[in-house]
Amino acid sequence: ADVNELDNVYAFNVDDLKAVVAQNQ
């Protein structure tokens, strides 16, 4: 999770997929 401290890195995990999935549900 500490990679999110880098200004130029944008990290996503499986829980971040929920919004995408909701569109197709």
PDBML (XML) file of the C-alpha atoms, coordinates in Angstrom:
<?xml version="1.0" encoding="UTF-8" ?>
<PDBx:datablock datablockName="MODEL"
   xmlns:PDBx="http://pdbml.pdb.org/schema/pdbx-v50.xsd"
   xmlns:xsi="http://www.w3.org/2001/XMLSchema-instance"
   xsi:schemaLocation="http://pdbml.pdb.org/schema/pdbx-v50.xsd pdbx-v50.xsd">
   <PDBx:atom_siteCategory>
      <PDBx:atom_site id="1">
         <PDBx:B_iso_or_equiv>0.00</PDBx:B_iso_or_equiv>
         <PDBx:Cartn_x>0.000</PDBx:Cartn_x>
         <PDBx:Cartn_y>0.000</PDBx:Cartn_y>
         <PDBx:Cartn_z>0.000</PDBx:Cartn_z>
         <PDBx:auth_asym_id>A</PDBx:auth_asym_id>
         <PDBx:auth_atom_id>CA</PDBx:auth_atom_id>
         <PDBx:auth_comp_id>ALA</PDBx:auth_comp_id>
         <PDBx:auth_seq_id>1</PDBx:auth_seq_id>
         <PDBx:group_PDB>ATOM</PDBx:group_PDB>
         <PDBx:label_alt_id xsi:nil="true" />
         <PDBx:label_asym_id>A</PDBx:label_asym_id>
         <PDBx:label_atom_id>CA</PDBx:label_atom_id>
         <PDBx:label_comp_id>ALA</PDBx:label_comp_id>
         <PDBx:label_entity_id>1</PDBx:label_entity_id>
         <PDBx:label_seq_id>1</PDBx:label_seq_id>
         <PDBx:occupancy>1.00</PDBx:occupancy>
         <PDBx:pdbx_PDB_model_num>1</PDBx:pdbx_PDB_model_num>
         <PDBx:type_symbol>C</PDBx:type_symbol>
      </PDBx:atom_site>
      <PDBx:atom_site id="2">
         <PDBx:B_iso_or_equiv>0.00</PDBx:B_iso_or_equiv>
         <PDBx:Cartn_x>2.942</PDBx:Cartn_x>
         <PDBx:Cartn_y>2.390</PDBx:Cartn_y>
         <PDBx:Cartn_z>0.493</PDBx:Cartn_z>
         <PDBx:auth_asym_id>A</PDBx:auth_asym_id>
         <PDBx:auth_atom_id>CA</PDBx:auth_atom_id>
         <PDBx:auth_comp_id>ASP</PDBx:auth_comp_id>
         <PDBx:auth_seq_id>2</PDBx:auth_seq_id>
         <PDBx:group_PDB>ATOM</PDBx:group_PDB>
         <PDBx:label_alt_id xsi:nil="true" />
         <PDBx:label_asym_id>A</PDBx:label_asym_id>
         <PDBx:label_atom_id>CA</PDBx:label_atom_id>
         <PDBx:label_comp_id>ASP</PDBx:label_comp_id>
         <PDBx:label_entity_id>1</PDBx:label_entity_id>
         <PDBx:label_seq_id>2</PDBx:label_seq_id>
         <PDBx:occupancy>1.00</PDBx:occupancy>
         <PDBx:pdbx_PDB_model_num>1</PDBx:pdbx_PDB_model_num>
         <PDBx:type_symbol>C</PDBx:type_symbol>
      </PDBx:atom_site>
      <PDBx:atom_site id="3">
         <PDBx:B_iso_or_equiv>0.00</PDBx:B_iso_or_equiv>
         <PDBx:Cartn_x>3.330</PDBx:Cartn_x>
         <PDBx:Cartn_y>2.796</PDBx:Cartn_y>
         <PDBx:Cartn_z>-3.301</PDBx:Cartn_z>
         <PDBx:auth_asym_id>A</PDBx:auth_asym_id>
         <PDBx:auth_atom_id>CA</PDBx:auth_atom_id>
         <PDBx:auth_comp_id>VAL</PDBx:auth_comp_id>
         <PDBx:auth_seq_id>3</PDBx:auth_seq_id>
         <PDBx:group_PDB>ATOM</PDBx:group_PDB>
         <PDBx:label_alt_id xsi:nil="true" />
         <PDBx:label_asym_id>A</PDBx:label_asym_id>
         <PDBx:label_atom_id>CA</PDBx:label_atom_id>
         <PDBx:label_comp_id>VAL</PDBx:label_comp_id>
         <PDBx:label_entity_id>1</PDBx:label_entity_id>
         <PDBx:label_seq_id>3</PDBx:label_seq_id>
         <PDBx:occupancy>1.00</PDBx:occupancy>
         <PDBx:pdbx_PDB_model_num>1</PDBx:pdbx_PDB_model_num>
         <PDBx:type_symbol>C</PDBx:type_symbol>
      </PDBx:atom_site>
      <PDBx:atom_site id="4">
         <PDBx:B_iso_or_equiv>0.00</PDBx:B_iso_or_equiv>
         <PDBx:Cartn_x>0.414</PDBx:Cartn_x>
         <PDBx:Cartn_y>5.232</PDBx:Cartn_y>
         <PDBx:Cartn_z>-3.072</PDBx:Cartn_z>
         <PDBx:auth_asym_id>A</PDBx:auth_asym_id>
         <PDBx:auth_atom_id>CA</PDBx:auth_atom_id>
         <PDBx:auth_comp_id>ASN</PDBx:auth_comp_id>
         <PDBx:auth_seq_id>4</PDBx:auth_seq_id>
         <PDBx:group_PDB>ATOM</PDBx:group_PDB>
         <PDBx:label_alt_id xsi:nil="true" />
         <PDBx:label_asym_id>A</PDBx:label_asym_id>
         <PDBx:label_atom_id>CA</PDBx:label_atom_id>
         <PDBx:label_comp_id>ASN</PDBx:label_comp_id>
         <PDBx:label_entity_id>1</PDBx:label_entity_id>
         <PDBx:label_seq_id>4</PDBx:label_seq_id>
         <PDBx:occupancy>1.00</PDBx:occupancy>
         <PDBx:pdbx_PDB_model_num>1</PDBx:pdbx_PDB_model_num>
         <PDBx:type_symbol>C</PDBx:type_symbol>
      </PDBx:atom_site>
      <PDBx:atom_site id="5">
         <PDBx:B_iso_or_equiv>0.00</PDBx:B_iso_or_equiv>
         <PDBx:Cartn_x>2.800</PDBx:Cartn_x>
         <PDBx:Cartn_y>7.635</PDBx:Cartn_y>
         <PDBx:Cartn_z>-1.324</PDBx:Cartn_z>
         <PDBx:auth_asym_id>A</PDBx:auth_asym_id>
         <PDBx:auth_atom_id>CA</PDBx:auth_atom_id>
         <PDBx:auth_comp_id>GLU</PDBx:auth_comp_id>
         <PDBx:auth_seq_id>5</PDBx:auth_seq_id>
         <PDBx:group_PDB>ATOM</PDBx:group_PDB>
         <PDBx:label_alt_id xsi:nil="true" />
         <PDBx:label_asym_id>A</PDBx:label_asym_id>
         <PDBx:label_atom_id>CA</PDBx:label_atom_id>
         <PDBx:label_comp_id>GLU</PDBx:label_comp_id>
         <PDBx:label_entity_id>1</PDBx:label_entity_id>
         <PDBx:label_seq_id>5</PDBx:label_seq_id>
         <PDBx:occupancy>1.00</PDBx:occupancy>
         <PDBx:pdbx_PDB_model_num>1</PDBx:pdbx_PDB_model_num>
         <PDBx:type_symbol>C</PDBx:type_symbol>
      </PDBx:atom_site>
      <PDBx:atom_site id="6">
         <PDBx:B_iso_or_equiv>0.00</PDBx:B_iso_or_equiv>
         <PDBx:Cartn_x>4.561</PDBx:Cartn_x>
         <PDBx:Cartn_y>8.181</PDBx:Cartn_y>
         <PDBx:Cartn_z>-4.661</PDBx:Cartn_z>
         <PDBx:auth_asym_id>A</PDBx:auth_asym_id>
         <PDBx:auth_atom_id>CA</PDBx:auth_atom_id>
         <PDBx:auth_comp_id>LEU</PDBx:auth_comp_id>
         <PDBx:auth_seq_id>6</PDBx:auth_seq_id>
         <PDBx:group_PDB>ATOM</PDBx:group_PDB>
         <PDBx:label_alt_id xsi:nil="true" />
         <PDBx:label_asym_id>A</PDBx:label_asym_id>
         <PDBx:label_atom_id>CA</PDBx:label_atom_id>
         <PDBx:label_comp_id>LEU</PDBx:label_comp_id>
         <PDBx:label_entity_id>1</PDBx:label_entity_id>
         <PDBx:label_seq_id>6</PDBx:label_seq_id>
         <PDBx:occupancy>1.00</PDBx:occupancy>
         <PDBx:pdbx_PDB_model_num>1</PDBx:pdbx_PDB_model_num>
         <PDBx:type_symbol>C</PDBx:type_symbol>
      </PDBx:atom_site>
      <PDBx:atom_site id="7">
         <PDBx:B_iso_or_equiv>0.00</PDBx:B_iso_or_equiv>
         <PDBx:Cartn_x>3.071</PDBx:Cartn_x>
         <PDBx:Cartn_y>11.144</PDBx:Cartn_y>
         <PDBx:Cartn_z>-6.552</PDBx:Cartn_z>
         <PDBx:auth_asym_id>A</PDBx:auth_asym_id>
         <PDBx:auth_atom_id>CA</PDBx:auth_atom_id>
         <PDBx:auth_comp_id>ASP</PDBx:auth_comp_id>
         <PDBx:auth_seq_id>7</PDBx:auth_seq_id>
         <PDBx:group_PDB>ATOM</PDBx:group_PDB>
         <PDBx:label_alt_id xsi:nil="true" />
         <PDBx:label_asym_id>A</PDBx:label_asym_id>
         <PDBx:label_atom_id>CA</PDBx:label_atom_id>
         <PDBx:label_comp_id>ASP</PDBx:label_comp_id>
         <PDBx:label_entity_id>1</PDBx:label_entity_id>
         <PDBx:label_seq_id>7</PDBx:label_seq_id>
         <PDBx:occupancy>1.00</PDBx:occupancy>
         <PDBx:pdbx_PDB_model_num>1</PDBx:pdbx_PDB_model_num>
         <PDBx:type_symbol>C</PDBx:type_symbol>
      </PDBx:atom_site>
      <PDBx:atom_site id="8">
         <PDBx:B_iso_or_equiv>0.00</PDBx:B_iso_or_equiv>
         <PDBx:Cartn_x>3.550</PDBx:Cartn_x>
         <PDBx:Cartn_y>9.568</PDBx:Cartn_y>
         <PDBx:Cartn_z>-9.974</PDBx:Cartn_z>
         <PDBx:auth_asym_id>A</PDBx:auth_asym_id>
         <PDBx:auth_atom_id>CA</PDBx:auth_atom_id>
         <PDBx:auth_comp_id>ASN</PDBx:auth_comp_id>
         <PDBx:auth_seq_id>8</PDBx:auth_seq_id>
         <PDBx:group_PDB>ATOM</PDBx:group_PDB>
         <PDBx:label_alt_id xsi:nil="true" />
         <PDBx:label_asym_id>A</PDBx:label_asym_id>
         <PDBx:label_atom_id>CA</PDBx:label_atom_id>
         <PDBx:label_comp_id>ASN</PDBx:label_comp_id>
         <PDBx:label_entity_id>1</PDBx:label_entity_id>
         <PDBx:label_seq_id>8</PDBx:label_seq_id>
         <PDBx:occupancy>1.00</PDBx:occupancy>
         <PDBx:pdbx_PDB_model_num>1</PDBx:pdbx_PDB_model_num>
         <PDBx:type_symbol>C</PDBx:type_symbol>
      </PDBx:atom_site>
      <PDBx:atom_site id="9">
         <PDBx:B_iso_or_equiv>0.00</PDBx:B_iso_or_equiv>
         <PDBx:Cartn_x>2.218</PDBx:Cartn_x>
         <PDBx:Cartn_y>6.060</PDBx:Cartn_y>
         <PDBx:Cartn_z>-9.131</PDBx:Cartn_z>
         <PDBx:auth_asym_id>A</PDBx:auth_asym_id>
         <PDBx:auth_atom_id>CA</PDBx:auth_atom_id>
         <PDBx:auth_comp_id>VAL</PDBx:auth_comp_id>
         <PDBx:auth_seq_id>9</PDBx:auth_seq_id>
         <PDBx:group_PDB>ATOM</PDBx:group_PDB>
         <PDBx:label_alt_id xsi:nil="true" />
         <PDBx:label_asym_id>A</PDBx:label_asym_id>
         <PDBx:label_atom_id>CA</PDBx:label_atom_id>
         <PDBx:label_comp_id>VAL</PDBx:label_comp_id>
         <PDBx:label_entity_id>1</PDBx:label_entity_id>
         <PDBx:label_seq_id>9</PDBx:label_seq_id>
         <PDBx:occupancy>1.00</PDBx:occupancy>
         <PDBx:pdbx_PDB_model_num>1</PDBx:pdbx_PDB_model_num>
         <PDBx:type_symbol>C</PDBx:type_symbol>
      </PDBx:atom_site>
      <PDBx:atom_site id="10">
         <PDBx:B_iso_or_equiv>0.00</PDBx:B_iso_or_equiv>
         <PDBx:Cartn_x>-1.486</PDBx:Cartn_x>
         <PDBx:Cartn_y>5.213</PDBx:Cartn_y>
         <PDBx:Cartn_z>-9.172</PDBx:Cartn_z>
         <PDBx:auth_asym_id>A</PDBx:auth_asym_id>
         <PDBx:auth_atom_id>CA</PDBx:auth_atom_id>
         <PDBx:auth_comp_id>TYR</PDBx:auth_comp_id>
         <PDBx:auth_seq_id>10</PDBx:auth_seq_id>
         <PDBx:group_PDB>ATOM</PDBx:group_PDB>
         <PDBx:label_alt_id xsi:nil="true" />
         <PDBx:label_asym_id>A</PDBx:label_asym_id>
         <PDBx:label_atom_id>CA</PDBx:label_atom_id>
         <PDBx:label_comp_id>TYR</PDBx:label_comp_id>
         <PDBx:label_entity_id>1</PDBx:label_entity_id>
         <PDBx:label_seq_id>10</PDBx:label_seq_id>
         <PDBx:occupancy>1.00</PDBx:occupancy>
         <PDBx:pdbx_PDB_model_num>1</PDBx:pdbx_PDB_model_num>
         <PDBx:type_symbol>C</PDBx:type_symbol>
      </PDBx:atom_site>
      <PDBx:atom_site id="11">
         <PDBx:B_iso_or_equiv>0.00</PDBx:B_iso_or_equiv>
         <PDBx:Cartn_x>-2.215</PDBx:Cartn_x>
         <PDBx:Cartn_y>1.808</PDBx:Cartn_y>
         <PDBx:Cartn_z>-7.593</PDBx:Cartn_z>
         <PDBx:auth_asym_id>A</PDBx:auth_asym_id>
         <PDBx:auth_atom_id>CA</PDBx:auth_atom_id>
         <PDBx:auth_comp_id>ALA</PDBx:auth_comp_id>
         <PDBx:auth_seq_id>11</PDBx:auth_seq_id>
         <PDBx:group_PDB>ATOM</PDBx:group_PDB>
         <PDBx:label_alt_id xsi:nil="true" />
         <PDBx:label_asym_id>A</PDBx:label_asym_id>
         <PDBx:label_atom_id>CA</PDBx:label_atom_id>
         <PDBx:label_comp_id>ALA</PDBx:label_comp_id>
         <PDBx:label_entity_id>1</PDBx:label_entity_id>
         <PDBx:label_seq_id>11</PDBx:label_seq_id>
         <PDBx:occupancy>1.00</PDBx:occupancy>
         <PDBx:pdbx_PDB_model_num>1</PDBx:pdbx_PDB_model_num>
         <PDBx:type_symbol>C</PDBx:type_symbol>
      </PDBx:atom_site>
      <PDBx:atom_site id="12">
         <PDBx:B_iso_or_equiv>0.00</PDBx:B_iso_or_equiv>
         <PDBx:Cartn_x>-5.484</PDBx:Cartn_x>
         <PDBx:Cartn_y>-0.131</PDBx:Cartn_y>
         <PDBx:Cartn_z>-7.639</PDBx:Cartn_z>
         <PDBx:auth_asym_id>A</PDBx:auth_asym_id>
         <PDBx:auth_atom_id>CA</PDBx:auth_atom_id>
         <PDBx:auth_comp_id>PHE</PDBx:auth_comp_id>
         <PDBx:auth_seq_id>12</PDBx:auth_seq_id>
         <PDBx:group_PDB>ATOM</PDBx:group_PDB>
         <PDBx:label_alt_id xsi:nil="true" />
         <PDBx:label_asym_id>A</PDBx:label_asym_id>
         <PDBx:label_atom_id>CA</PDBx:label_atom_id>
         <PDBx:label_comp_id>PHE</PDBx:label_comp_id>
         <PDBx:label_entity_id>1</PDBx:label_entity_id>
         <PDBx:label_seq_id>12</PDBx:label_seq_id>
         <PDBx:occupancy>1.00</PDBx:occupancy>
         <PDBx:pdbx_PDB_model_num>1</PDBx:pdbx_PDB_model_num>
         <PDBx:type_symbol>C</PDBx:type_symbol>
      </PDBx:atom_site>
      <PDBx:atom_site id="13">
         <PDBx:B_iso_or_equiv>0.00</PDBx:B_iso_or_equiv>
         <PDBx:Cartn_x>-6.404</PDBx:Cartn_x>
         <PDBx:Cartn_y>-3.447</PDBx:Cartn_y>
         <PDBx:Cartn_z>-6.002</PDBx:Cartn_z>
         <PDBx:auth_asym_id>A</PDBx:auth_asym_id>
         <PDBx:auth_atom_id>CA</PDBx:auth_atom_id>
         <PDBx:auth_comp_id>ASN</PDBx:auth_comp_id>
         <PDBx:auth_seq_id>13</PDBx:auth_seq_id>
         <PDBx:group_PDB>ATOM</PDBx:group_PDB>
         <PDBx:label_alt_id xsi:nil="true" />
         <PDBx:label_asym_id>A</PDBx:label_asym_id>
         <PDBx:label_atom_id>CA</PDBx:label_atom_id>
         <PDBx:label_comp_id>ASN</PDBx:label_comp_id>
         <PDBx:label_entity_id>1</PDBx:label_entity_id>
         <PDBx:label_seq_id>13</PDBx:label_seq_id>
         <PDBx:occupancy>1.00</PDBx:occupancy>
         <PDBx:pdbx_PDB_model_num>1</PDBx:pdbx_PDB_model_num>
         <PDBx:type_symbol>C</PDBx:type_symbol>
      </PDBx:atom_site>
      <PDBx:atom_site id="14">
         <PDBx:B_iso_or_equiv>0.00</PDBx:B_iso_or_equiv>
         <PDBx:Cartn_x>-9.317</PDBx:Cartn_x>
         <PDBx:Cartn_y>-5.899</PDBx:Cartn_y>
         <PDBx:Cartn_z>-6.317</PDBx:Cartn_z>
         <PDBx:auth_asym_id>A</PDBx:auth_asym_id>
         <PDBx:auth_atom_id>CA</PDBx:auth_atom_id>
         <PDBx:auth_comp_id>VAL</PDBx:auth_comp_id>
         <PDBx:auth_seq_id>14</PDBx:auth_seq_id>
         <PDBx:group_PDB>ATOM</PDBx:group_PDB>
         <PDBx:label_alt_id xsi:nil="true" />
         <PDBx:label_asym_id>A</PDBx:label_asym_id>
         <PDBx:label_atom_id>CA</PDBx:label_atom_id>
         <PDBx:label_comp_id>VAL</PDBx:label_comp_id>
         <PDBx:label_entity_id>1</PDBx:label_entity_id>
         <PDBx:label_seq_id>14</PDBx:label_seq_id>
         <PDBx:occupancy>1.00</PDBx:occupancy>
         <PDBx:pdbx_PDB_model_num>1</PDBx:pdbx_PDB_model_num>
         <PDBx:type_symbol>C</PDBx:type_symbol>
      </PDBx:atom_site>
      <PDBx:atom_site id="15">
         <PDBx:B_iso_or_equiv>0.00</PDBx:B_iso_or_equiv>
         <PDBx:Cartn_x>-11.540</PDBx:Cartn_x>
         <PDBx:Cartn_y>-3.787</PDBx:Cartn_y>
         <PDBx:Cartn_z>-4.066</PDBx:Cartn_z>
         <PDBx:auth_asym_id>A</PDBx:auth_asym_id>
         <PDBx:auth_atom_id>CA</PDBx:auth_atom_id>
         <PDBx:auth_comp_id>ASP</PDBx:auth_comp_id>
         <PDBx:auth_seq_id>15</PDBx:auth_seq_id>
         <PDBx:group_PDB>ATOM</PDBx:group_PDB>
         <PDBx:label_alt_id xsi:nil="true" />
         <PDBx:label_asym_id>A</PDBx:label_asym_id>
         <PDBx:label_atom_id>CA</PDBx:label_atom_id>
         <PDBx:label_comp_id>ASP</PDBx:label_comp_id>
         <PDBx:label_entity_id>1</PDBx:label_entity_id>
         <PDBx:label_seq_id>15</PDBx:label_seq_id>
         <PDBx:occupancy>1.00</PDBx:occupancy>
         <PDBx:pdbx_PDB_model_num>1</PDBx:pdbx_PDB_model_num>
         <PDBx:type_symbol>C</PDBx:type_symbol>
      </PDBx:atom_site>
      <PDBx:atom_site id="16">
         <PDBx:B_iso_or_equiv>0.00</PDBx:B_iso_or_equiv>
         <PDBx:Cartn_x>-11.182</PDBx:Cartn_x>
         <PDBx:Cartn_y>-0.846</PDBx:Cartn_y>
         <PDBx:Cartn_z>-6.470</PDBx:Cartn_z>
         <PDBx:auth_asym_id>A</PDBx:auth_asym_id>
         <PDBx:auth_atom_id>CA</PDBx:auth_atom_id>
         <PDBx:auth_comp_id>ASP</PDBx:auth_comp_id>
         <PDBx:auth_seq_id>16</PDBx:auth_seq_id>
         <PDBx:group_PDB>ATOM</PDBx:group_PDB>
         <PDBx:label_alt_id xsi:nil="true" />
         <PDBx:label_asym_id>A</PDBx:label_asym_id>
         <PDBx:label_atom_id>CA</PDBx:label_atom_id>
         <PDBx:label_comp_id>ASP</PDBx:label_comp_id>
         <PDBx:label_entity_id>1</PDBx:label_entity_id>
         <PDBx:label_seq_id>16</PDBx:label_seq_id>
         <PDBx:occupancy>1.00</PDBx:occupancy>
         <PDBx:pdbx_PDB_model_num>1</PDBx:pdbx_PDB_model_num>
         <PDBx:type_symbol>C</PDBx:type_symbol>
      </PDBx:atom_site>
      <PDBx:atom_site id="17">
         <PDBx:B_iso_or_equiv>0.00</PDBx:B_iso_or_equiv>
         <PDBx:Cartn_x>-12.887</PDBx:Cartn_x>
         <PDBx:Cartn_y>-2.891</PDBx:Cartn_y>
         <PDBx:Cartn_z>-9.194</PDBx:Cartn_z>
         <PDBx:auth_asym_id>A</PDBx:auth_asym_id>
         <PDBx:auth_atom_id>CA</PDBx:auth_atom_id>
         <PDBx:auth_comp_id>LEU</PDBx:auth_comp_id>
         <PDBx:auth_seq_id>17</PDBx:auth_seq_id>
         <PDBx:group_PDB>ATOM</PDBx:group_PDB>
         <PDBx:label_alt_id xsi:nil="true" />
         <PDBx:label_asym_id>A</PDBx:label_asym_id>
         <PDBx:label_atom_id>CA</PDBx:label_atom_id>
         <PDBx:label_comp_id>LEU</PDBx:label_comp_id>
         <PDBx:label_entity_id>1</PDBx:label_entity_id>
         <PDBx:label_seq_id>17</PDBx:label_seq_id>
         <PDBx:occupancy>1.00</PDBx:occupancy>
         <PDBx:pdbx_PDB_model_num>1</PDBx:pdbx_PDB_model_num>
         <PDBx:type_symbol>C</PDBx:type_symbol>
      </PDBx:atom_site>
      <PDBx:atom_site id="18">
         <PDBx:B_iso_or_equiv>0.00</PDBx:B_iso_or_equiv>
         <PDBx:Cartn_x>-16.292</PDBx:Cartn_x>
         <PDBx:Cartn_y>-2.719</PDBx:Cartn_y>
         <PDBx:Cartn_z>-7.510</PDBx:Cartn_z>
         <PDBx:auth_asym_id>A</PDBx:auth_asym_id>
         <PDBx:auth_atom_id>CA</PDBx:auth_atom_id>
         <PDBx:auth_comp_id>LYS</PDBx:auth_comp_id>
         <PDBx:auth_seq_id>18</PDBx:auth_seq_id>
         <PDBx:group_PDB>ATOM</PDBx:group_PDB>
         <PDBx:label_alt_id xsi:nil="true" />
         <PDBx:label_asym_id>A</PDBx:label_asym_id>
         <PDBx:label_atom_id>CA</PDBx:label_atom_id>
         <PDBx:label_comp_id>LYS</PDBx:label_comp_id>
         <PDBx:label_entity_id>1</PDBx:label_entity_id>
         <PDBx:label_seq_id>18</PDBx:label_seq_id>
         <PDBx:occupancy>1.00</PDBx:occupancy>
         <PDBx:pdbx_PDB_model_num>1</PDBx:pdbx_PDB_model_num>
         <PDBx:type_symbol>C</PDBx:type_symbol>
      </PDBx:atom_site>
      <PDBx:atom_site id="19">
         <PDBx:B_iso_or_equiv>0.00</PDBx:B_iso_or_equiv>
         <PDBx:Cartn_x>-17.332</PDBx:Cartn_x>
         <PDBx:Cartn_y>0.512</PDBx:Cartn_y>
         <PDBx:Cartn_z>-9.237</PDBx:Cartn_z>
         <PDBx:auth_asym_id>A</PDBx:auth_asym_id>
         <PDBx:auth_atom_id>CA</PDBx:auth_atom_id>
         <PDBx:auth_comp_id>ALA</PDBx:auth_comp_id>
         <PDBx:auth_seq_id>19</PDBx:auth_seq_id>
         <PDBx:group_PDB>ATOM</PDBx:group_PDB>
         <PDBx:label_alt_id xsi:nil="true" />
         <PDBx:label_asym_id>A</PDBx:label_asym_id>
         <PDBx:label_atom_id>CA</PDBx:label_atom_id>
         <PDBx:label_comp_id>ALA</PDBx:label_comp_id>
         <PDBx:label_entity_id>1</PDBx:label_entity_id>
         <PDBx:label_seq_id>19</PDBx:label_seq_id>
         <PDBx:occupancy>1.00</PDBx:occupancy>
         <PDBx:pdbx_PDB_model_num>1</PDBx:pdbx_PDB_model_num>
         <PDBx:type_symbol>C</PDBx:type_symbol>
      </PDBx:atom_site>
      <PDBx:atom_site id="20">
         <PDBx:B_iso_or_equiv>0.00</PDBx:B_iso_or_equiv>
         <PDBx:Cartn_x>-16.504</PDBx:Cartn_x>
         <PDBx:Cartn_y>-0.943</PDBx:Cartn_y>
         <PDBx:Cartn_z>-12.659</PDBx:Cartn_z>
         <PDBx:auth_asym_id>A</PDBx:auth_asym_id>
         <PDBx:auth_atom_id>CA</PDBx:auth_atom_id>
         <PDBx:auth_comp_id>VAL</PDBx:auth_comp_id>
         <PDBx:auth_seq_id>20</PDBx:auth_seq_id>
         <PDBx:group_PDB>ATOM</PDBx:group_PDB>
         <PDBx:label_alt_id xsi:nil="true" />
         <PDBx:label_asym_id>A</PDBx:label_asym_id>
         <PDBx:label_atom_id>CA</PDBx:label_atom_id>
         <PDBx:label_comp_id>VAL</PDBx:label_comp_id>
         <PDBx:label_entity_id>1</PDBx:label_entity_id>
         <PDBx:label_seq_id>20</PDBx:label_seq_id>
         <PDBx:occupancy>1.00</PDBx:occupancy>
         <PDBx:pdbx_PDB_model_num>1</PDBx:pdbx_PDB_model_num>
         <PDBx:type_symbol>C</PDBx:type_symbol>
      </PDBx:atom_site>
      <PDBx:atom_site id="21">
         <PDBx:B_iso_or_equiv>0.00</PDBx:B_iso_or_equiv>
         <PDBx:Cartn_x>-18.342</PDBx:Cartn_x>
         <PDBx:Cartn_y>-4.149</PDBx:Cartn_y>
         <PDBx:Cartn_z>-11.917</PDBx:Cartn_z>
         <PDBx:auth_asym_id>A</PDBx:auth_asym_id>
         <PDBx:auth_atom_id>CA</PDBx:auth_atom_id>
         <PDBx:auth_comp_id>VAL</PDBx:auth_comp_id>
         <PDBx:auth_seq_id>21</PDBx:auth_seq_id>
         <PDBx:group_PDB>ATOM</PDBx:group_PDB>
         <PDBx:label_alt_id xsi:nil="true" />
         <PDBx:label_asym_id>A</PDBx:label_asym_id>
         <PDBx:label_atom_id>CA</PDBx:label_atom_id>
         <PDBx:label_comp_id>VAL</PDBx:label_comp_id>
         <PDBx:label_entity_id>1</PDBx:label_entity_id>
         <PDBx:label_seq_id>21</PDBx:label_seq_id>
         <PDBx:occupancy>1.00</PDBx:occupancy>
         <PDBx:pdbx_PDB_model_num>1</PDBx:pdbx_PDB_model_num>
         <PDBx:type_symbol>C</PDBx:type_symbol>
      </PDBx:atom_site>
      <PDBx:atom_site id="22">
         <PDBx:B_iso_or_equiv>0.00</PDBx:B_iso_or_equiv>
         <PDBx:Cartn_x>-21.421</PDBx:Cartn_x>
         <PDBx:Cartn_y>-2.300</PDBx:Cartn_y>
         <PDBx:Cartn_z>-10.628</PDBx:Cartn_z>
         <PDBx:auth_asym_id>A</PDBx:auth_asym_id>
         <PDBx:auth_atom_id>CA</PDBx:auth_atom_id>
         <PDBx:auth_comp_id>ALA</PDBx:auth_comp_id>
         <PDBx:auth_seq_id>22</PDBx:auth_seq_id>
         <PDBx:group_PDB>ATOM</PDBx:group_PDB>
         <PDBx:label_alt_id xsi:nil="true" />
         <PDBx:label_asym_id>A</PDBx:label_asym_id>
         <PDBx:label_atom_id>CA</PDBx:label_atom_id>
         <PDBx:label_comp_id>ALA</PDBx:label_comp_id>
         <PDBx:label_entity_id>1</PDBx:label_entity_id>
         <PDBx:label_seq_id>22</PDBx:label_seq_id>
         <PDBx:occupancy>1.00</PDBx:occupancy>
         <PDBx:pdbx_PDB_model_num>1</PDBx:pdbx_PDB_model_num>
         <PDBx:type_symbol>C</PDBx:type_symbol>
      </PDBx:atom_site>
      <PDBx:atom_site id="23">
         <PDBx:B_iso_or_equiv>0.00</PDBx:B_iso_or_equiv>
         <PDBx:Cartn_x>-22.055</PDBx:Cartn_x>
         <PDBx:Cartn_y>-0.853</PDBx:Cartn_y>
         <PDBx:Cartn_z>-14.091</PDBx:Cartn_z>
         <PDBx:auth_asym_id>A</PDBx:auth_asym_id>
         <PDBx:auth_atom_id>CA</PDBx:auth_atom_id>
         <PDBx:auth_comp_id>GLN</PDBx:auth_comp_id>
         <PDBx:auth_seq_id>23</PDBx:auth_seq_id>
         <PDBx:group_PDB>ATOM</PDBx:group_PDB>
         <PDBx:label_alt_id xsi:nil="true" />
         <PDBx:label_asym_id>A</PDBx:label_asym_id>
         <PDBx:label_atom_id>CA</PDBx:label_atom_id>
         <PDBx:label_comp_id>GLN</PDBx:label_comp_id>
         <PDBx:label_entity_id>1</PDBx:label_entity_id>
         <PDBx:label_seq_id>23</PDBx:label_seq_id>
         <PDBx:occupancy>1.00</PDBx:occupancy>
         <PDBx:pdbx_PDB_model_num>1</PDBx:pdbx_PDB_model_num>
         <PDBx:type_symbol>C</PDBx:type_symbol>
      </PDBx:atom_site>
      <PDBx:atom_site id="24">
         <PDBx:B_iso_or_equiv>0.00</PDBx:B_iso_or_equiv>
         <PDBx:Cartn_x>-22.489</PDBx:Cartn_x>
         <PDBx:Cartn_y>-4.355</PDBx:Cartn_y>
         <PDBx:Cartn_z>-15.513</PDBx:Cartn_z>
         <PDBx:auth_asym_id>A</PDBx:auth_asym_id>
         <PDBx:auth_atom_id>CA</PDBx:auth_atom_id>
         <PDBx:auth_comp_id>ASN</PDBx:auth_comp_id>
         <PDBx:auth_seq_id>24</PDBx:auth_seq_id>
         <PDBx:group_PDB>ATOM</PDBx:group_PDB>
         <PDBx:label_alt_id xsi:nil="true" />
         <PDBx:label_asym_id>A</PDBx:label_asym_id>
         <PDBx:label_atom_id>CA</PDBx:label_atom_id>
         <PDBx:label_comp_id>ASN</PDBx:label_comp_id>
         <PDBx:label_entity_id>1</PDBx:label_entity_id>
         <PDBx:label_seq_id>24</PDBx:label_seq_id>
         <PDBx:occupancy>1.00</PDBx:occupancy>
         <PDBx:pdbx_PDB_model_num>1</PDBx:pdbx_PDB_model_num>
         <PDBx:type_symbol>C</PDBx:type_symbol>
      </PDBx:atom_site>
      <PDBx:atom_site id="25">
         <PDBx:B_iso_or_equiv>0.00</PDBx:B_iso_or_equiv>
         <PDBx:Cartn_x>-24.464</PDBx:Cartn_x>
         <PDBx:Cartn_y>-5.888</PDBx:Cartn_y>
         <PDBx:Cartn_z>-12.655</PDBx:Cartn_z>
         <PDBx:auth_asym_id>A</PDBx:auth_asym_id>
         <PDBx:auth_atom_id>CA</PDBx:auth_atom_id>
         <PDBx:auth_comp_id>GLN</PDBx:auth_comp_id>
         <PDBx:auth_seq_id>25</PDBx:auth_seq_id>
         <PDBx:group_PDB>ATOM</PDBx:group_PDB>
         <PDBx:label_alt_id xsi:nil="true" />
         <PDBx:label_asym_id>A</PDBx:label_asym_id>
         <PDBx:label_atom_id>CA</PDBx:label_atom_id>
         <PDBx:label_comp_id>GLN</PDBx:label_comp_id>
         <PDBx:label_entity_id>1</PDBx:label_entity_id>
         <PDBx:label_seq_id>25</PDBx:label_seq_id>
         <PDBx:occupancy>1.00</PDBx:occupancy>
         <PDBx:pdbx_PDB_model_num>1</PDBx:pdbx_PDB_model_num>
         <PDBx:type_symbol>C</PDBx:type_symbol>
      </PDBx:atom_site>
   </PDBx:atom_siteCategory>
</PDBx:datablock>
